[in-house]
Protein backbone atom coordinates (compact mmCIF):
# COMPACT_ATOMS: atom_id res chain seq x y z
CA MET A 1 0.00 0.00 0.00
CA ILE A 2 1.39 3.40 -1.02
CA ALA A 3 1.10 6.21 1.54
CA THR A 4 0.15 9.60 0.09
CA THR A 5 -0.01 11.44 3.42
CA CYS A 6 2.54 11.81 6.22
CA ARG A 7 2.58 8.94 8.72
CA SER A 8 2.89 11.41 11.60
CA CYS A 9 1.04 14.65 10.89
CA GLY A 10 -1.26 13.52 8.06
CA SER A 11 -0.07 16.21 5.63
CA ASP A 12 -0.21 15.49 1.90
CA ASN A 13 2.87 17.68 1.37
CA LEU A 14 5.28 14.79 0.73
CA GLU A 15 8.18 14.86 -1.74
CA ILE A 16 10.10 11.81 -3.01
CA VAL A 17 13.84 12.38 -2.44
CA LEU A 18 15.30 8.92 -3.28
CA SER A 19 14.03 5.91 -5.21
CA LEU A 20 15.86 2.61 -4.65
CA GLY A 21 13.60 0.66 -7.00
CA PRO A 22 11.52 -2.46 -6.35
CA THR A 23 13.22 -4.69 -3.78
CA PRO A 24 12.37 -7.89 -1.88
CA LEU A 25 11.66 -7.81 1.84
CA ALA A 26 15.06 -7.38 3.44
CA ASN A 27 14.63 -9.93 6.24
CA ALA A 28 12.74 -12.51 4.18
CA LEU A 29 15.61 -15.01 4.00
CA LEU A 30 14.76 -17.92 1.75
CA SER A 31 14.83 -21.68 2.19
CA ALA A 32 16.10 -23.84 -0.66
CA GLU A 33 12.50 -24.68 -1.56
CA GLN A 34 11.51 -21.02 -1.72
CA LEU A 35 14.18 -20.31 -4.35
CA LEU A 36 11.83 -21.87 -6.91
CA LEU A 37 8.86 -19.67 -5.98
CA PRO A 38 8.04 -16.12 -7.14
CA GLU A 39 9.60 -13.53 -4.84
CA PRO A 40 7.52 -10.40 -4.23
CA ARG A 41 9.18 -7.03 -4.60
CA TYR A 42 7.90 -3.68 -3.39
CA PRO A 43 8.81 -0.08 -4.29
CA LEU A 44 11.38 1.48 -1.96
CA ASP A 45 10.92 5.26 -2.21
CA LEU A 46 12.01 7.75 0.45
CA ALA A 47 9.92 10.89 1.03
CA PHE A 48 10.22 14.10 3.07
CA CYS A 49 7.26 15.78 4.79
CA HIS A 50 7.48 19.53 4.27
CA ASP A 51 5.17 20.16 7.24
CA CYS A 52 6.63 18.13 10.16
CA THR A 53 9.99 17.14 8.53
CA LEU A 54 9.48 13.39 9.02
CA VAL A 55 11.46 11.28 6.53
CA GLN A 56 9.58 8.11 5.56
CA ILE A 57 9.11 5.48 2.89
CA THR A 58 5.84 5.46 0.99
CA GLU A 59 5.19 1.71 0.84
CA THR A 60 3.54 -0.13 3.75
CA VAL A 61 3.86 -3.91 3.78
CA SER A 62 1.54 -5.87 6.08
CA PRO A 63 3.09 -6.17 9.58
CA ALA A 64 1.96 -9.80 9.69
CA GLU A 65 4.05 -10.49 6.57
CA LEU A 66 7.07 -8.70 8.00
CA PHE A 67 7.04 -9.82 11.63
CA GLY A 68 4.93 -12.97 12.01
CA GLU A 69 8.11 -15.06 11.91
CA TYR A 70 11.38 -13.19 12.33
CA LEU A 71 14.99 -14.23 12.00
CA TYR A 72 16.68 -11.41 13.91
CA PHE A 73 17.59 -12.39 17.48
CA SER A 74 19.27 -9.54 19.37
CA SER A 75 21.16 -11.87 21.70
CA TYR A 76 23.46 -12.95 18.85
CA SER A 77 25.00 -9.46 18.81
CA ASP A 78 27.49 -9.00 21.64
CA THR A 79 27.33 -5.26 21.00
CA MET A 80 23.56 -5.16 21.48
CA VAL A 81 23.71 -7.18 24.69
CA ARG A 82 26.46 -5.00 26.19
CA HIS A 83 24.52 -1.89 25.16
CA ALA A 84 21.41 -3.18 26.94
CA GLU A 85 23.24 -4.24 30.09
CA ALA A 86 24.93 -0.85 30.47
CA LEU A 87 21.62 0.98 30.15
CA VAL A 88 19.89 -1.22 32.73
CA LYS A 89 22.75 -0.74 35.22
CA GLN A 90 22.30 3.01 34.81
CA LEU A 91 18.51 3.05 35.13
CA ILE A 92 17.96 0.80 38.17
CA PRO A 93 19.56 3.18 40.70
CA GLU A 94 18.66 6.31 38.73
CA ARG A 95 14.93 5.48 38.79
CA GLY A 96 14.94 3.72 42.17
CA LEU A 97 13.59 0.48 40.69
CA ASP A 98 12.79 -2.42 43.02
CA PRO A 99 10.54 -5.52 43.17
CA ARG A 100 7.47 -3.25 43.30
CA SER A 101 8.36 -1.66 39.94
CA LEU A 102 7.42 -2.79 36.45
CA VAL A 103 9.55 -2.51 33.32
CA VAL A 104 7.80 -3.01 29.98
CA GLU A 105 9.51 -3.31 26.60
CA ILE A 106 7.74 -2.95 23.26
CA ALA A 107 9.29 -5.20 20.59
CA SER A 108 11.28 -6.98 23.28
CA ASN A 109 12.78 -9.53 20.89
CA ASP A 110 14.29 -12.52 22.73
CA GLY A 111 14.57 -10.77 26.10
CA TYR A 112 18.13 -9.56 25.52
CA LEU A 113 17.42 -6.35 27.53
CA LEU A 114 14.74 -7.41 30.03
CA GLN A 115 16.93 -10.27 31.30
CA PHE A 116 19.15 -7.76 33.10
CA TYR A 117 16.22 -6.31 35.06
CA ARG A 118 14.91 -9.77 35.87
CA ARG A 119 18.30 -10.81 37.30
CA GLN A 120 17.96 -7.94 39.80
CA GLY A 121 14.50 -9.07 40.89
CA ILE A 122 12.60 -6.34 39.02
CA PRO A 123 9.33 -7.47 37.36
CA VAL A 124 9.31 -7.24 33.56
CA LEU A 125 6.89 -7.67 30.69
CA GLY A 126 7.92 -8.08 27.09
CA ILE A 127 5.68 -7.42 24.10
CA GLU A 128 6.91 -9.15 20.94
CA PRO A 129 4.77 -9.95 17.86
CA ALA A 130 7.10 -12.49 16.22
CA ARG A 131 5.97 -15.92 17.38
CA ASN A 132 9.32 -17.65 17.20
CA VAL A 133 11.17 -14.81 18.93
CA ALA A 134 8.57 -14.42 21.69
CA ARG A 135 8.76 -18.16 22.29
CA ALA A 136 12.54 -17.94 22.73
CA ALA A 137 12.07 -15.17 25.32
CA VAL A 138 9.50 -17.15 27.30
CA GLU A 139 11.78 -20.18 27.30
CA THR A 140 14.45 -18.10 29.04
CA GLY A 141 12.00 -16.91 31.70
CA ILE A 142 10.96 -13.52 30.31
CA PRO A 143 7.15 -13.00 30.55
CA THR A 144 6.18 -12.03 27.01
CA LEU A 145 2.92 -11.16 25.27
CA CYS A 146 3.00 -12.28 21.63
CA GLU A 147 1.06 -9.32 20.26
CA PHE A 148 1.46 -6.18 18.19
CA PHE A 149 1.52 -3.14 20.45
CA GLY A 150 -1.04 -0.42 19.83
CA PRO A 151 -3.62 1.75 21.57
CA GLU A 152 -5.86 -1.20 22.46
CA LEU A 153 -3.11 -3.15 24.20
CA GLY A 154 -1.75 -0.02 25.89
CA HIS A 155 -5.14 0.83 27.37
CA SER A 156 -5.80 -2.80 28.30
CA LEU A 157 -2.55 -3.00 30.29
CA ARG A 158 -3.36 0.27 32.00
CA ASP A 159 -6.84 -0.95 32.93
CA ARG A 160 -5.30 -4.13 34.40
CA GLY A 161 -2.96 -2.07 36.56
CA GLN A 162 0.14 -2.94 34.53
CA GLN A 163 1.54 0.53 33.97
CA ALA A 164 5.27 0.92 33.49
CA ASP A 165 7.76 2.71 35.70
CA VAL A 166 10.14 2.33 32.76
CA LEU A 167 8.92 1.72 29.21
CA HIS A 168 11.49 0.69 26.62
CA ALA A 169 10.96 1.04 22.89
CA HIS A 170 14.26 0.42 21.12
CA ASN A 171 14.36 0.50 17.34
CA VAL A 172 10.62 -0.07 17.10
CA LEU A 173 9.04 3.29 16.19
CA ALA A 174 10.71 3.14 12.80
CA HIS A 175 8.80 -0.09 12.11
CA VAL A 176 5.35 1.25 12.96
CA ALA A 177 2.73 2.09 10.33
CA ASP A 178 0.26 3.55 12.85
CA LEU A 179 2.64 5.94 14.58
CA ASN A 180 -0.05 7.92 16.36
CA GLY A 181 -1.80 4.76 17.57
CA VAL A 182 1.37 3.30 19.05
CA VAL A 183 2.42 6.54 20.74
CA SER A 184 -1.11 6.85 22.15
CA GLY A 185 -0.73 3.33 23.57
CA MET A 186 2.65 4.26 25.05
CA ALA A 187 1.09 7.24 26.81
CA ALA A 188 -1.57 4.92 28.29
CA VAL A 189 0.80 2.24 29.59
CA LEU A 190 3.32 4.71 31.06
CA LYS A 191 2.82 5.76 34.69
CA ASP A 192 2.45 9.48 35.34
CA SER A 193 5.78 9.29 37.19
CA GLY A 194 7.38 6.93 34.67
CA VAL A 195 9.85 7.41 31.86
CA ALA A 196 9.91 6.00 28.35
CA ILE A 197 13.36 5.23 26.95
CA ILE A 198 13.11 5.36 23.19
CA GLU A 199 15.94 4.65 20.78
CA VAL A 200 15.71 5.34 17.06
CA PRO A 201 18.30 5.43 14.29
CA TYR A 202 19.09 9.10 13.72
CA VAL A 203 18.28 10.44 10.27
CA LYS A 204 21.10 12.99 10.49
CA GLU A 205 23.62 10.15 10.72
CA LEU A 206 21.90 8.40 7.84
CA ILE A 207 22.35 11.51 5.71
CA ASP A 208 25.83 12.53 6.91
CA ARG A 209 27.24 8.99 6.61
CA CYS A 210 25.32 8.00 3.46
CA GLU A 211 23.73 5.06 5.32
CA PHE A 212 21.21 4.35 2.55
CA ASP A 213 21.28 0.63 3.35
CA THR A 214 19.33 1.24 6.56
CA ILE A 215 16.36 2.01 4.28
CA TYR A 216 14.14 -1.03 3.84
CA HIS A 217 10.47 -1.92 4.10
CA GLU A 218 10.55 -2.65 7.84
CA HIS A 219 11.89 0.86 8.47
CA LEU A 220 8.95 3.06 7.61
CA CYS A 221 10.28 6.23 9.29
CA TYR A 222 13.66 7.93 9.81
CA PHE A 223 13.53 10.32 12.73
CA SER A 224 15.07 13.63 13.61
CA LEU A 225 14.50 15.13 17.06
CA THR A 226 12.38 17.81 15.38
CA ALA A 227 10.04 15.27 13.79
CA ILE A 228 9.72 13.01 16.82
CA ASP A 229 9.04 15.97 19.12
CA HIS A 230 6.05 16.93 16.95
CA LEU A 231 4.77 13.35 17.23
CA PHE A 232 5.10 13.02 21.02
CA ARG A 233 3.61 16.40 21.86
CA ARG A 234 0.49 15.42 19.94
CA HIS A 235 -0.06 12.74 22.62
CA GLY A 236 0.88 14.65 25.75
CA LEU A 237 4.43 13.30 25.92
CA HIS A 238 7.54 15.44 26.21
CA VAL A 239 11.21 14.85 25.43
CA GLN A 240 13.04 15.62 28.69
CA ASP A 241 16.52 14.62 27.54
CA VAL A 242 18.28 13.27 24.46
CA ALA A 243 21.63 11.63 23.82
CA ARG A 244 23.38 10.64 20.61
CA LEU A 245 24.68 7.07 20.50
CA PRO A 246 27.07 5.37 18.07
CA ILE A 247 25.04 2.13 17.90
CA HIS A 248 23.40 1.16 14.57
CA GLY A 249 25.48 3.71 12.71
CA GLY A 250 24.17 6.55 14.88
CA SER A 251 21.03 6.66 17.05
CA LEU A 252 19.10 8.93 19.37
CA ARG A 253 18.20 7.88 22.91
CA LEU A 254 15.19 9.87 24.12
CA PHE A 255 13.93 10.16 27.68
CA VAL A 256 10.22 10.89 27.42
CA THR A 257 7.76 11.69 30.21
CA LYS A 258 4.22 12.89 30.73
CA GLY A 259 5.42 15.81 32.82
CA THR A 260 6.16 19.24 31.39
CA SER A 261 9.11 20.03 33.61
CA LYS A 262 11.99 21.94 32.05
CA ALA A 263 13.86 19.82 29.53
CA SER A 264 17.60 19.24 29.55
CA PRO A 265 19.67 21.78 27.58
CA ASN A 266 20.60 18.84 25.32
CA VAL A 267 17.16 19.03 23.72
CA ALA A 268 17.38 22.70 22.70
CA THR A 269 20.99 22.27 21.56
CA LEU A 270 20.16 19.42 19.21
CA MET A 271 17.08 21.22 17.88
CA ILE A 272 19.25 24.20 16.94
CA GLU A 273 21.88 21.94 15.38
CA GLU A 274 19.25 20.27 13.20
CA ALA A 275 17.94 23.62 12.01
CA ASN A 276 21.43 24.93 11.23
CA SER A 277 22.52 21.77 9.38
CA GLY A 278 19.60 21.69 6.96
CA MET A 279 17.69 18.78 8.49
CA ARG A 280 14.42 20.68 7.96
CA ASN A 281 15.22 21.45 4.31
CA VAL A 282 14.27 19.09 1.48
CA ALA A 283 17.41 20.03 -0.49
CA THR A 284 19.51 18.16 2.10
CA TYR A 285 17.71 14.92 1.28
CA VAL A 286 17.76 15.42 -2.49
CA ASN A 287 21.55 15.82 -2.28
CA PHE A 288 21.70 12.61 -0.23
CA GLY A 289 20.11 10.76 -3.15
CA ALA A 290 22.87 11.95 -5.48
CA ARG A 291 25.54 10.77 -3.01
CA VAL A 292 23.97 7.29 -2.92
CA GLU A 293 24.32 7.06 -6.69
CA ALA A 294 27.99 8.05 -6.42
CA LEU A 295 28.57 5.37 -3.77
CA ARG A 296 26.95 2.77 -6.02
CA ALA A 297 29.36 3.64 -8.84
CA SER A 298 32.38 3.52 -6.52
CA LEU A 299 31.61 0.18 -4.86
CA THR A 300 30.57 -1.69 -8.02
CA SER A 301 33.67 -0.42 -9.84
CA ILE A 302 35.99 -1.70 -7.09
CA LEU A 303 34.25 -5.09 -6.94
CA ASP A 304 34.34 -5.43 -10.74
CA THR A 305 38.08 -4.67 -10.76
CA LEU A 306 38.76 -7.33 -8.10
CA LYS A 307 36.73 -9.96 -9.95
CA ARG A 308 38.41 -9.25 -13.27
CA ARG A 309 41.81 -9.89 -11.72
CA GLY A 310 40.60 -13.21 -10.30
CA ASP A 311 40.01 -12.39 -6.65
CA ARG A 312 37.35 -14.31 -4.71
CA ILE A 313 34.89 -12.25 -2.69
CA ALA A 314 32.42 -13.26 0.02
CA ALA A 315 30.23 -11.15 2.31
CA TYR A 316 29.69 -10.95 6.07
CA GLY A 317 26.25 -10.28 7.57
CA ALA A 318 22.90 -11.60 6.38
CA ALA A 319 21.25 -8.48 7.79
CA ALA A 320 18.51 -6.31 6.35
CA LYS A 321 20.97 -3.55 5.46
CA GLY A 322 22.97 -6.11 3.48
CA SER A 323 19.89 -7.09 1.50
CA THR A 324 19.21 -3.45 0.63
CA LEU A 325 22.78 -2.86 -0.49
CA LEU A 326 23.04 -6.01 -2.60
CA ASN A 327 19.65 -5.63 -4.29
CA CYS A 328 19.75 -1.87 -4.87
CA PHE A 329 23.33 -1.94 -6.15
CA GLY A 330 22.81 -5.10 -8.24
CA ILE A 331 25.51 -7.17 -6.51
CA GLY A 332 24.86 -10.91 -6.60
CA LYS A 333 26.29 -14.28 -7.56
CA GLU A 334 28.32 -12.83 -10.40
CA THR A 335 30.40 -11.01 -7.79
CA LEU A 336 30.06 -12.79 -4.42
CA ASP A 337 30.54 -16.49 -3.64
CA PHE A 338 28.55 -16.65 -0.38
CA VAL A 339 27.51 -14.78 2.78
CA VAL A 340 28.37 -15.71 6.37
CA ASP A 341 26.42 -14.85 9.50
CA ARG A 342 26.80 -15.73 13.17
CA SER A 343 23.11 -16.48 13.75
CA PRO A 344 22.20 -20.17 13.34
CA HIS A 345 18.66 -19.03 12.49
CA LYS A 346 20.01 -17.57 9.23
CA GLN A 347 22.53 -20.24 8.30
CA GLY A 348 21.37 -22.60 5.57
CA ARG A 349 19.09 -19.98 4.05
CA PHE A 350 19.59 -17.63 1.11
CA MET A 351 19.71 -13.84 0.78
CA PRO A 352 16.53 -12.25 -0.63
CA GLY A 353 16.63 -11.31 -4.28
CA VAL A 354 20.25 -12.27 -4.99
CA HIS A 355 19.90 -15.83 -3.57
CA LEU A 356 23.42 -16.06 -2.13
CA PRO A 357 23.82 -18.97 0.34
CA ILE A 358 24.38 -18.15 4.02
CA TYR A 359 26.98 -20.10 6.03
CA PRO A 360 28.49 -19.89 9.53
CA PRO A 361 31.48 -17.50 9.89
CA GLU A 362 33.85 -20.50 10.05
CA ARG A 363 33.38 -20.75 6.29
CA LEU A 364 35.74 -17.80 5.85
CA LEU A 365 38.72 -19.75 7.18
CA GLU A 366 37.70 -22.84 5.20
CA ALA A 367 37.33 -21.06 1.86
CA MET A 368 39.72 -18.11 2.47
CA PRO A 369 38.20 -15.64 0.00
CA ASP A 370 40.56 -12.79 -0.80
CA TYR A 371 38.05 -10.16 0.28
CA VAL A 372 34.90 -10.00 2.40
CA LEU A 373 32.31 -7.30 1.78
CA LEU A 374 31.25 -6.21 5.28
CA LEU A 375 27.48 -5.76 5.01
CA THR A 376 27.10 -5.31 8.78
CA TRP A 377 29.57 -2.43 8.86
CA ASN A 378 27.88 -1.07 12.02
CA PHE A 379 29.46 -3.95 13.98
CA ALA A 380 32.88 -3.69 12.33
CA ASP A 381 34.97 -3.71 15.52
CA GLU A 382 33.13 -6.74 16.91
CA ILE A 383 33.47 -8.65 13.64
CA PHE A 384 37.14 -7.77 13.15
CA ALA A 385 37.86 -9.15 16.63
CA GLN A 386 35.97 -12.36 15.84
CA GLN A 387 37.75 -12.72 12.48
CA LYS A 388 41.29 -12.07 13.69
CA ALA A 389 42.56 -15.41 12.31
CA TYR A 390 41.11 -14.74 8.84
CA ARG A 391 42.75 -11.32 8.73
CA GLN A 392 46.10 -12.66 9.98
CA LEU A 393 46.09 -15.12 7.08
CA GLY A 394 45.76 -12.25 4.62
CA GLY A 395 42.01 -11.88 4.29
CA ARG A 396 40.75 -8.33 3.89
CA PHE A 397 37.42 -6.62 4.51
CA ILE A 398 35.73 -4.12 2.21
CA ILE A 399 33.72 -1.58 4.21
CA PRO A 400 31.09 -0.02 1.91
CA VAL A 401 29.62 2.79 4.06
CA PRO A 402 30.01 5.77 4.34
CA GLU A 403 32.65 5.43 1.63
CA VAL A 404 34.40 2.40 0.26
CA LYS A 405 37.60 1.42 2.06
CA VAL A 406 39.61 -1.78 2.54
CA ALA A 407 40.74 -2.91 5.98
């Protein structure tokens, strides 16, 4: 379904700033049997709202198709687990949490974050729509509702007395078609004295670092502080503090409350920075589209040169961003031999669209390709540490974003 009005403010003043063409669903990894079946593709067009500045894609794929069964398990990323643990250690004393408190997480995945509260005796509740992922969380002792979060569930939890002292929503708002409904539900489930900790990939980093590969059908919206502030205020929520994080190529962590107490100076500072750097101007996003085309030319030229001289190339990371890069840049079996990924849930499957086989990381040492295209460049340090032996034997990584370099 193509959206013709803004997902946040409802304005029809949208402008397409980048078209990546029809692409398959980025996380729809294929079984061997599915290789023989037709593979649906959907337009991937990025638009800018001239009224509230929200950057968004225009296509909405059914959430049931995207998230009914899901192959991303957060616990397989050491970086994500460490990130979660550090945040929980900060919040427990800061918010005075104890066994009488309740921590709720929307899109709680396999319990990678809530486990750290539970270990300290603090009650938790996960909300996770993917059946297989929710099941994994329950099996590790994390109470989890296998449902999509929205206004109905938010009000139902409130009416049952399950309001949150801390409400987490990490990397979920970008996936939501009904933004206003979900934020309304968040306002209902949050205690008047509670805080919502919301993390979203930051659109300024996407633009500055040419992170086009974070655009895919699951990511409906790409937030600035300006755009998300408009959204929250509409539902009686207020950004009290904001921090910029390096995770996922650059994210915002927002501390959101129902109170209207004076916000941290960080909020005003970042608002001014966004205004001064052109984040509210459509020309910034049009220029981004031109830079993506330049990156495509650079990367495909380097890969073509390596193949012509006989080098063997593999890829690391069967992630959604990798699917976007491979499909939008037209890089497939003619260039790459295979993909490796640490998650056993992905191994044995095939990348969407390009149909490259996915193996465990040990395959790199077995096959010793000359180069590995690092599709999960946002975890470069973690992967380099894991692949020390491959690199010591002469293997090299190609990092595609924000500009092509070899390491």
